[in-house]
């Protein structure tokens, strides 16, 4: 979401005649886009602002902070870093150009009930794969999550805007689309009532697209209709991110997740019935307040039962304004650390075992970049969203190629380019 926001902001600035530079030291304007999901990102922001103070004082240029930390810590940012010129929350990016032009300090963190479309063409990082936002905000209020307080309540982008952008991207040669939202499967067009399945069905008909993905889905709203659509629509990838967060019903209830472990397992079984080849990834939080050893062991059990293809795992840290911030953070830091290491070690074993079975297979891969260490090594993603590294030359960039897997590690596969995909 933040990458896509930055692309849109880059487009706005470019439309005004500004150009990106190769290093921050050369810039006349620095805008820091921020994430507030974890405490560490906030700490990084304030550290960066401190390092930028001499640049600001010497150059007399413009410095702004935008995004979720800007929304959450607006007064604190101005207090700790008075050299910041403007602060803009995620619901006010349409006002960014207006605020940059003011000489006095400016702040825009109001909430809006309407969807504001940014008309400027995004300054996209890739020429083959593109993010397309379909909604913003969240109404779920999971106990640990700050998103409702930084992104606001759910707002849905008009259905026609979404499809228009996808058509334009396909015409420009983009072959992969990632539909984005905090809860993509709760999307509902206000005018027509169309939902995520309707978006997928229409996008599937657009000529030129090869792969369609979406993130993030909430288990509570993932239903049979969506699973059937994923199975039947040939361009929708057999890949799904479905956050679990914890394996204990006790902790899931404290988290206000709205489902039980049994219900989550039923969803996974249903999805695998329709899409046997599905690649599943998830999020895991360890050390949530009240998590006993038995609760943690149930999370490990879920890893064993489901055998995710990938996980994103974190230690709990209280976020301001959330319900969990009011609970006693009674799991010791060292216990959190050990539990996180245990989760990651077990998942590493699961992924290594899965990857070993893929040696010898030939996979379709979209090449997205190259190694910084070896210019002969390129990297891409297969349909399962696994990282594939392979030797090739510059002409593979942004192209679909067939790669034969020759080796593996726990986090990526290695292979040899077979041929281009027709």
Protein backbone atom coordinates (compact mmCIF):
# COMPACT_ATOMS: atom_id res chain seq x y z
CA UNK A 1 0.00 0.00 0.00
CA UNK A 2 2.78 2.44 0.89
CA UNK A 3 4.70 1.68 -2.30
CA UNK A 4 1.57 2.37 -4.34
CA UNK A 5 0.93 5.59 -2.39
CA UNK A 6 4.49 6.71 -3.15
CA UNK A 7 4.00 5.93 -6.83
CA UNK A 8 0.88 8.13 -6.92
CA UNK A 9 2.64 10.94 -5.07
CA UNK A 10 5.58 10.67 -7.46
CA UNK A 11 3.12 11.06 -10.32
CA UNK A 12 1.63 14.18 -8.76
CA UNK A 13 5.06 15.74 -8.33
CA UNK A 14 6.12 14.82 -11.85
CA UNK A 15 2.93 16.36 -13.22
CA UNK A 16 4.01 19.63 -11.53
CA UNK A 17 7.34 19.51 -13.35
CA UNK A 18 9.46 18.06 -10.54
CA UNK A 19 11.95 15.29 -11.29
CA UNK A 20 13.33 12.52 -9.05
CA UNK A 21 17.04 12.67 -8.20
CA UNK A 22 19.51 9.88 -7.55
CA UNK A 23 20.31 10.85 -3.94
CA UNK A 24 18.59 12.81 -1.19
CA UNK A 25 21.57 15.15 -0.90
CA UNK A 26 20.73 16.58 -4.35
CA UNK A 27 17.05 17.16 -3.65
CA UNK A 28 15.06 20.35 -3.14
CA UNK A 29 12.15 18.42 -1.66
CA UNK A 30 12.16 15.33 0.54
CA UNK A 31 8.92 13.53 1.41
CA UNK A 32 9.10 10.61 3.84
CA UNK A 33 6.25 8.11 3.48
CA UNK A 34 5.67 6.22 6.73
CA UNK A 35 4.09 3.06 8.14
CA UNK A 36 2.77 2.76 11.71
CA UNK A 37 2.01 -0.95 11.87
CA UNK A 38 5.03 -1.59 14.10
CA UNK A 39 6.90 0.53 16.60
CA UNK A 40 10.23 0.00 14.84
CA UNK A 41 9.12 1.95 11.76
CA UNK A 42 8.25 4.94 13.96
CA UNK A 43 11.67 4.80 15.57
CA UNK A 44 13.29 4.73 12.13
CA UNK A 45 11.35 7.83 11.12
CA UNK A 46 12.53 9.94 14.05
CA UNK A 47 16.08 8.72 13.55
CA UNK A 48 15.94 9.71 9.88
CA UNK A 49 14.47 13.12 10.68
CA UNK A 50 17.39 13.73 13.02
CA UNK A 51 19.89 12.86 10.28
CA UNK A 52 18.12 15.18 7.84
CA UNK A 53 18.24 18.23 10.12
CA UNK A 54 21.67 19.46 8.90
CA UNK A 55 20.52 19.10 5.26
CA UNK A 56 17.42 21.12 5.99
CA UNK A 57 19.30 23.86 7.84
CA UNK A 58 22.03 24.12 5.22
CA UNK A 59 19.95 23.84 2.07
CA UNK A 60 16.83 25.69 3.24
CA UNK A 61 14.77 23.22 1.26
CA UNK A 62 11.42 21.53 1.92
CA UNK A 63 10.87 18.48 4.15
CA UNK A 64 7.57 16.68 4.65
CA UNK A 65 6.26 13.57 6.43
CA UNK A 66 3.27 11.71 5.06
CA UNK A 67 1.50 8.41 5.69
CA UNK A 68 0.36 6.54 8.75
CA UNK A 69 2.89 7.85 11.30
CA UNK A 70 2.11 11.36 10.08
CA UNK A 71 -1.55 10.70 10.88
CA UNK A 72 -0.83 9.06 14.23
CA UNK A 73 2.02 11.22 15.58
CA UNK A 74 1.38 14.57 13.91
CA UNK A 75 1.91 16.82 16.96
CA UNK A 76 4.85 14.75 18.15
CA UNK A 77 6.60 15.05 14.77
CA UNK A 78 6.42 18.84 14.80
CA UNK A 79 7.53 18.90 18.46
CA UNK A 80 10.52 16.55 18.01
CA UNK A 81 11.44 17.72 14.51
CA UNK A 82 10.50 21.40 14.10
CA UNK A 83 12.46 21.46 10.82
CA UNK A 84 9.61 19.47 9.19
CA UNK A 85 7.54 21.76 6.94
CA UNK A 86 4.37 19.76 6.37
CA UNK A 87 2.52 16.66 7.58
CA UNK A 88 -0.08 14.85 5.49
CA UNK A 89 -2.15 11.80 6.48
CA UNK A 90 -3.20 9.05 4.01
CA UNK A 91 -6.66 10.56 3.52
CA UNK A 92 -5.27 13.87 2.27
CA UNK A 93 -2.80 13.05 -0.49
CA UNK A 94 -5.03 14.90 -2.96
CA UNK A 95 -4.04 18.12 -1.11
CA UNK A 96 -0.30 17.47 -1.21
CA UNK A 97 0.62 19.91 -4.00
CA UNK A 98 -1.39 22.67 -2.35
CA UNK A 99 0.42 22.17 0.98
CA UNK A 100 3.92 22.00 -0.47
CA UNK A 101 3.56 25.54 -1.83
CA UNK A 102 2.89 27.13 1.57
CA UNK A 103 5.80 28.79 3.32
CA UNK A 104 4.31 28.28 6.80
CA UNK A 105 4.01 24.89 8.48
CA UNK A 106 1.03 22.91 7.21
CA UNK A 107 -0.87 19.87 8.46
CA UNK A 108 -3.62 17.88 6.74
CA UNK A 109 -4.93 14.92 8.76
CA UNK A 110 -8.70 15.28 8.50
CA UNK A 111 -10.91 12.30 7.64
CA UNK A 112 -13.13 12.30 4.55
CA UNK A 113 -16.10 10.06 3.81
CA UNK A 114 -15.72 10.46 0.03
CA UNK A 115 -13.22 8.72 -2.23
CA UNK A 116 -10.67 11.16 -3.68
CA UNK A 117 -9.18 9.99 -6.95
CA UNK A 118 -5.63 11.12 -7.77
CA UNK A 119 -5.75 11.84 -11.48
CA UNK A 120 -1.99 12.01 -12.12
CA UNK A 121 -0.39 8.95 -13.68
CA UNK A 122 1.61 7.11 -10.98
CA UNK A 123 5.39 7.13 -11.24
CA UNK A 124 5.60 3.33 -11.25
CA UNK A 125 8.72 1.43 -10.28
CA UNK A 126 7.97 -1.46 -12.65
CA UNK A 127 6.99 -1.53 -16.32
CA UNK A 128 5.46 -5.00 -16.14
CA UNK A 129 3.75 -5.36 -12.75
CA UNK A 130 1.42 -2.74 -11.24
CA UNK A 131 -0.46 -2.11 -8.00
CA UNK A 132 -4.10 -1.01 -8.25
CA UNK A 133 -5.82 0.20 -5.08
CA UNK A 134 -9.49 -0.78 -4.76
CA UNK A 135 -10.21 0.37 -1.19
CA UNK A 136 -8.77 2.13 1.84
CA UNK A 137 -9.18 1.75 5.59
CA UNK A 138 -10.58 -0.93 7.86
CA UNK A 139 -13.72 -1.46 9.96
CA UNK A 140 -12.58 -4.56 11.86
CA UNK A 141 -10.68 -3.01 14.80
CA UNK A 142 -8.47 -6.00 15.53
CA UNK A 143 -7.14 -5.37 19.02
CA UNK A 144 -3.49 -5.04 17.98
CA UNK A 145 -3.98 -3.05 14.76
CA UNK A 146 -3.57 0.69 14.34
CA UNK A 147 -4.84 0.81 10.74
CA UNK A 148 -8.38 2.10 11.57
CA UNK A 149 -6.71 5.02 13.34
CA UNK A 150 -4.25 5.79 10.54
CA UNK A 151 -6.17 4.86 7.38
CA UNK A 152 -9.67 5.47 8.72
CA UNK A 153 -12.86 3.53 8.01
CA UNK A 154 -13.37 1.55 4.85
CA UNK A 155 -13.85 3.52 1.65
CA UNK A 156 -14.33 1.84 -1.67
CA UNK A 157 -12.93 3.11 -4.93
CA UNK A 158 -15.62 3.30 -7.65
CA UNK A 159 -15.76 0.13 -9.73
CA UNK A 160 -15.44 2.01 -13.03
CA UNK A 161 -12.26 3.79 -11.86
CA UNK A 162 -10.65 0.47 -11.01
CA UNK A 163 -11.43 -1.15 -14.36
CA UNK A 164 -10.41 1.96 -16.29
CA UNK A 165 -6.99 1.91 -14.62
CA UNK A 166 -6.53 -1.80 -15.32
CA UNK A 167 -7.42 -1.31 -19.00
CA UNK A 168 -4.95 1.56 -19.30
CA UNK A 169 -2.22 -0.53 -17.67
CA UNK A 170 -2.88 -3.43 -20.04
CA UNK A 171 -2.71 -1.05 -23.01
CA UNK A 172 0.67 0.18 -21.71
CA UNK A 173 1.98 -3.39 -21.65
CA UNK A 174 1.58 -4.30 -17.98
CA UNK A 175 1.04 -8.03 -17.62
CA UNK A 176 0.54 -8.42 -13.87
CA UNK A 177 -1.89 -6.58 -11.59
CA UNK A 178 -1.99 -6.58 -7.78
CA UNK A 179 -5.31 -5.36 -6.40
CA UNK A 180 -4.69 -3.68 -3.02
CA UNK A 181 -6.71 -2.93 0.10
CA UNK A 182 -6.60 -3.48 3.83
CA UNK A 183 -9.51 -5.92 3.36
CA UNK A 184 -9.91 -6.47 -0.36
CA UNK A 185 -12.60 -9.10 0.08
CA UNK A 186 -14.91 -6.66 1.88
CA UNK A 187 -14.92 -4.37 -1.19
CA UNK A 188 -18.37 -3.15 -2.23
CA UNK A 189 -18.96 -0.55 -4.94
CA UNK A 190 -21.32 2.05 -3.51
CA UNK A 191 -23.18 2.62 -6.78
CA UNK A 192 -23.63 -0.90 -8.11
CA UNK A 193 -22.96 -3.23 -5.17
CA UNK A 194 -20.26 -5.05 -7.16
CA UNK A 195 -17.63 -6.84 -5.08
CA UNK A 196 -14.11 -8.29 -5.43
CA UNK A 197 -15.35 -11.25 -7.46
CA UNK A 198 -16.90 -8.85 -9.98
CA UNK A 199 -13.58 -6.99 -10.22
CA UNK A 200 -11.69 -10.23 -10.82
CA UNK A 201 -14.18 -11.41 -13.45
CA UNK A 202 -13.96 -8.15 -15.40
CA UNK A 203 -10.17 -7.89 -15.10
CA UNK A 204 -9.87 -11.50 -16.29
CA UNK A 205 -11.46 -10.44 -19.59
CA UNK A 206 -8.97 -7.65 -20.29
CA UNK A 207 -6.63 -8.50 -23.14
CA UNK A 208 -2.92 -8.32 -22.41
CA UNK A 209 -3.05 -9.23 -18.72
CA UNK A 210 -1.44 -12.51 -17.76
CA UNK A 211 -1.54 -12.63 -13.93
CA UNK A 212 -3.97 -11.10 -11.42
CA UNK A 213 -3.36 -11.06 -7.65
CA UNK A 214 -5.01 -9.40 -4.65
CA UNK A 215 -3.97 -8.62 -1.07
CA UNK A 216 -4.95 -8.64 1.80
CA UNK A 217 -7.93 -10.90 2.47
CA UNK A 218 -9.58 -11.20 5.86
CA UNK A 219 -10.48 -14.82 6.74
CA UNK A 220 -13.87 -13.69 8.07
CA UNK A 221 -14.95 -12.53 4.60
CA UNK A 222 -13.30 -15.19 2.47
CA UNK A 223 -16.19 -17.26 1.12
CA UNK A 224 -16.92 -20.07 -1.31
CA UNK A 225 -17.87 -17.67 -4.11
CA UNK A 226 -14.41 -16.09 -4.03
CA UNK A 227 -12.70 -19.49 -3.94
CA UNK A 228 -14.74 -20.62 -6.97
CA UNK A 229 -13.80 -17.45 -8.84
CA UNK A 230 -10.11 -17.98 -8.13
CA UNK A 231 -10.40 -21.55 -9.40
CA UNK A 232 -12.28 -20.69 -12.58
CA UNK A 233 -10.61 -17.46 -13.72
CA UNK A 234 -7.47 -18.45 -15.61
CA UNK A 235 -5.58 -15.18 -15.04
CA UNK A 236 -6.12 -15.12 -11.25
CA UNK A 237 -3.04 -16.64 -9.65
CA UNK A 238 -3.33 -19.69 -7.41
CA UNK A 239 -1.81 -17.69 -4.56
CA UNK A 240 -3.42 -16.21 -1.47
CA UNK A 241 -2.32 -14.27 1.59
CA UNK A 242 -4.73 -15.12 4.44
CA UNK A 243 -3.57 -13.72 7.81
CA UNK A 244 -3.99 -16.17 10.70
CA UNK A 245 -2.17 -14.13 13.42
CA UNK A 246 -2.46 -16.82 16.14
CA UNK A 247 -3.42 -20.47 16.51
CA UNK A 248 -5.17 -20.26 19.87
CA UNK A 249 -8.89 -19.51 20.14
CA UNK A 250 -8.18 -17.65 23.36
CA UNK A 251 -5.72 -15.31 21.66
CA UNK A 252 -7.83 -14.97 18.51
CA UNK A 253 -10.72 -13.84 20.71
CA UNK A 254 -8.52 -11.33 22.56
CA UNK A 255 -7.33 -10.09 19.18
CA UNK A 256 -10.94 -9.61 18.02
CA UNK A 257 -10.25 -11.53 14.83
CA UNK A 258 -13.82 -12.77 14.39
CA UNK A 259 -13.04 -16.45 13.70
CA UNK A 260 -11.79 -19.56 15.51
CA UNK A 261 -8.90 -21.82 14.61
CA UNK A 262 -11.44 -24.44 13.53
CA UNK A 263 -13.15 -21.96 11.21
CA UNK A 264 -9.81 -20.93 9.74
CA UNK A 265 -8.91 -24.58 9.08
CA UNK A 266 -12.30 -25.07 7.39
CA UNK A 267 -11.59 -22.09 5.12
CA UNK A 268 -8.19 -23.52 4.17
CA UNK A 269 -9.73 -26.94 3.45
CA UNK A 270 -12.42 -25.32 1.28
CA UNK A 271 -9.85 -23.26 -0.63
CA UNK A 272 -7.64 -26.29 -1.24
CA UNK A 273 -10.65 -28.29 -2.42
CA UNK A 274 -11.28 -25.74 -5.18
CA UNK A 275 -7.61 -24.89 -5.82
CA UNK A 276 -5.38 -27.87 -4.90
CA UNK A 277 -2.24 -26.02 -6.09
CA UNK A 278 -2.91 -22.90 -3.99
CA UNK A 279 0.15 -21.19 -2.50
CA UNK A 280 -0.79 -19.92 0.97
CA UNK A 281 1.01 -17.26 2.98
CA UNK A 282 0.03 -15.76 6.33
CA UNK A 283 0.90 -13.40 9.19
CA UNK A 284 1.81 -14.59 12.70
CA UNK A 285 2.09 -12.46 15.86
CA UNK A 286 3.78 -13.97 18.92
CA UNK A 287 3.71 -12.64 22.47
CA UNK A 288 0.26 -11.05 22.40
CA UNK A 289 -0.88 -10.08 25.94
CA UNK A 290 -2.10 -13.16 27.75
CA UNK A 291 -0.36 -15.63 25.44
CA UNK A 292 0.58 -18.66 27.54
CA UNK A 293 2.88 -21.44 26.42
CA UNK A 294 -0.12 -23.58 25.50
CA UNK A 295 -1.46 -20.80 23.27
CA UNK A 296 1.89 -20.52 21.54
CA UNK A 297 2.09 -24.27 21.00
CA UNK A 298 -1.28 -24.11 19.27
CA UNK A 299 0.17 -21.58 16.84
CA UNK A 300 3.00 -24.01 16.07
CA UNK A 301 0.38 -26.74 15.57
CA UNK A 302 -1.34 -24.59 12.95
CA UNK A 303 1.95 -24.23 11.06
CA UNK A 304 2.25 -28.02 11.05
CA UNK A 305 -1.36 -28.61 10.01
CA UNK A 306 -1.50 -26.04 7.20
CA UNK A 307 2.12 -25.93 6.04
CA UNK A 308 2.07 -22.42 4.65
CA UNK A 309 4.30 -21.62 1.69
CA UNK A 310 5.46 -18.44 3.39
CA UNK A 311 4.81 -16.50 6.60
CA UNK A 312 5.43 -12.98 7.89
CA UNK A 313 6.06 -13.20 11.63
CA UNK A 314 6.39 -10.51 14.28
CA UNK A 315 6.68 -9.91 17.99
CA UNK A 316 3.73 -8.07 19.50
CA UNK A 317 4.31 -4.43 20.32
CA UNK A 318 1.46 -2.24 21.59
CA UNK A 319 0.22 0.39 19.18
CA UNK A 320 -1.41 3.62 20.39
CA UNK A 321 -5.22 3.85 20.55
CA UNK A 322 -5.67 0.10 20.04
CA UNK A 323 -7.52 -2.13 22.48
CA UNK A 324 -4.39 -4.22 23.05
CA UNK A 325 -2.51 -1.15 24.26
CA UNK A 326 -4.80 -1.17 27.30
CA UNK A 327 -3.93 -4.78 28.15
CA UNK A 328 -1.01 -5.70 30.37
CA UNK A 329 1.89 -6.52 28.08
CA UNK A 330 2.73 -9.51 30.28
CA UNK A 331 4.81 -11.68 27.94
CA UNK A 332 8.48 -10.95 28.73
CA UNK A 333 10.57 -9.58 25.84
CA UNK A 334 12.92 -12.57 25.95
CA UNK A 335 9.97 -14.98 25.72
CA UNK A 336 8.64 -13.07 22.70
CA UNK A 337 12.05 -13.26 21.08
CA UNK A 338 12.40 -17.00 21.69
CA UNK A 339 8.90 -17.70 20.40
CA UNK A 340 9.54 -15.71 17.25
CA UNK A 341 12.77 -17.61 16.64
CA UNK A 342 10.95 -20.90 17.14
CA UNK A 343 8.18 -19.96 14.68
CA UNK A 344 10.70 -18.84 12.09
CA UNK A 345 12.88 -21.93 12.54
CA UNK A 346 9.93 -24.29 12.07
CA UNK A 347 8.66 -22.40 9.05
CA UNK A 348 12.15 -22.46 7.55
CA UNK A 349 12.08 -26.26 7.76
CA UNK A 350 8.62 -26.39 6.17
CA UNK A 351 9.63 -24.13 3.30
CA UNK A 352 12.90 -26.00 2.70
CA UNK A 353 11.02 -29.30 2.48
CA UNK A 354 8.50 -27.80 0.04
CA UNK A 355 11.19 -26.21 -2.10
CA UNK A 356 13.16 -29.46 -2.33
CA UNK A 357 10.22 -31.12 -4.11
CA UNK A 358 10.29 -28.40 -6.80
CA UNK A 359 13.80 -29.15 -8.06
CA UNK A 360 13.57 -30.30 -11.68
CA UNK A 361 10.31 -28.48 -12.39
CA UNK A 362 10.03 -25.89 -15.18
CA UNK A 363 8.21 -22.76 -13.98
CA UNK A 364 6.82 -19.65 -15.61
CA UNK A 365 8.54 -16.64 -14.03
CA UNK A 366 8.00 -12.89 -14.40
CA UNK A 367 11.46 -11.30 -14.20
CA UNK A 368 11.33 -8.28 -11.90
CA UNK A 369 14.95 -7.37 -11.15
CA UNK A 370 18.60 -8.31 -11.02
CA UNK A 371 21.13 -9.14 -8.36
CA UNK A 372 23.16 -6.29 -6.91
CA UNK A 373 26.06 -8.68 -6.34
CA UNK A 374 26.14 -10.39 -9.73
CA UNK A 375 24.74 -8.66 -12.83
CA UNK A 376 24.34 -12.05 -14.54
CA UNK A 377 21.77 -13.17 -11.96
CA UNK A 378 18.17 -12.08 -12.38
CA UNK A 379 15.22 -12.49 -10.06
CA UNK A 380 11.50 -12.96 -10.51
CA UNK A 381 8.34 -14.50 -9.12
CA UNK A 382 6.41 -17.56 -10.22
CA UNK A 383 2.63 -17.88 -9.98
CA UNK A 384 2.98 -19.01 -6.36
CA UNK A 385 4.85 -15.74 -5.63
CA UNK A 386 8.06 -17.59 -4.81
CA UNK A 387 11.35 -15.85 -5.53
CA UNK A 388 13.27 -17.47 -8.40
CA UNK A 389 16.91 -16.54 -9.11
CA UNK A 390 18.43 -17.47 -12.47
CA UNK A 391 21.23 -16.54 -14.87
CA UNK A 392 20.20 -14.54 -17.94
CA UNK A 393 20.83 -11.26 -19.79
CA UNK A 394 19.16 -7.83 -19.85
CA UNK A 395 16.48 -8.78 -22.37
CA UNK A 396 14.59 -10.82 -19.74
CA UNK A 397 13.69 -7.75 -17.64
CA UNK A 398 9.93 -7.40 -17.35
CA UNK A 399 9.37 -10.55 -19.42
CA UNK A 400 7.86 -13.94 -18.72
CA UNK A 401 10.39 -16.74 -19.01
CA UNK A 402 10.47 -20.46 -18.35
CA UNK A 403 13.02 -21.45 -15.70
CA UNK A 404 14.07 -24.98 -14.75
CA UNK A 405 14.66 -25.25 -10.99
CA UNK A 406 18.10 -26.66 -10.21
CA UNK A 407 18.59 -25.81 -6.52
CA UNK A 408 16.77 -24.36 -3.54
CA UNK A 409 17.07 -22.59 -0.22
CA UNK A 410 14.47 -21.92 2.46
CA UNK A 411 13.49 -18.53 1.03
CA UNK A 412 14.02 -18.83 -2.72
CA UNK A 413 14.56 -21.19 -5.63
CA UNK A 414 17.44 -21.18 -8.08
CA UNK A 415 17.30 -22.23 -11.68
CA UNK A 416 18.39 -22.06 -15.29
CA UNK A 417 16.49 -20.13 -17.92
CA UNK A 418 14.82 -22.48 -20.37
CA UNK A 419 13.17 -20.07 -22.84
CA UNK A 420 10.93 -17.05 -23.20
CA UNK A 421 7.19 -17.57 -22.81
CA UNK A 422 5.27 -16.95 -26.04
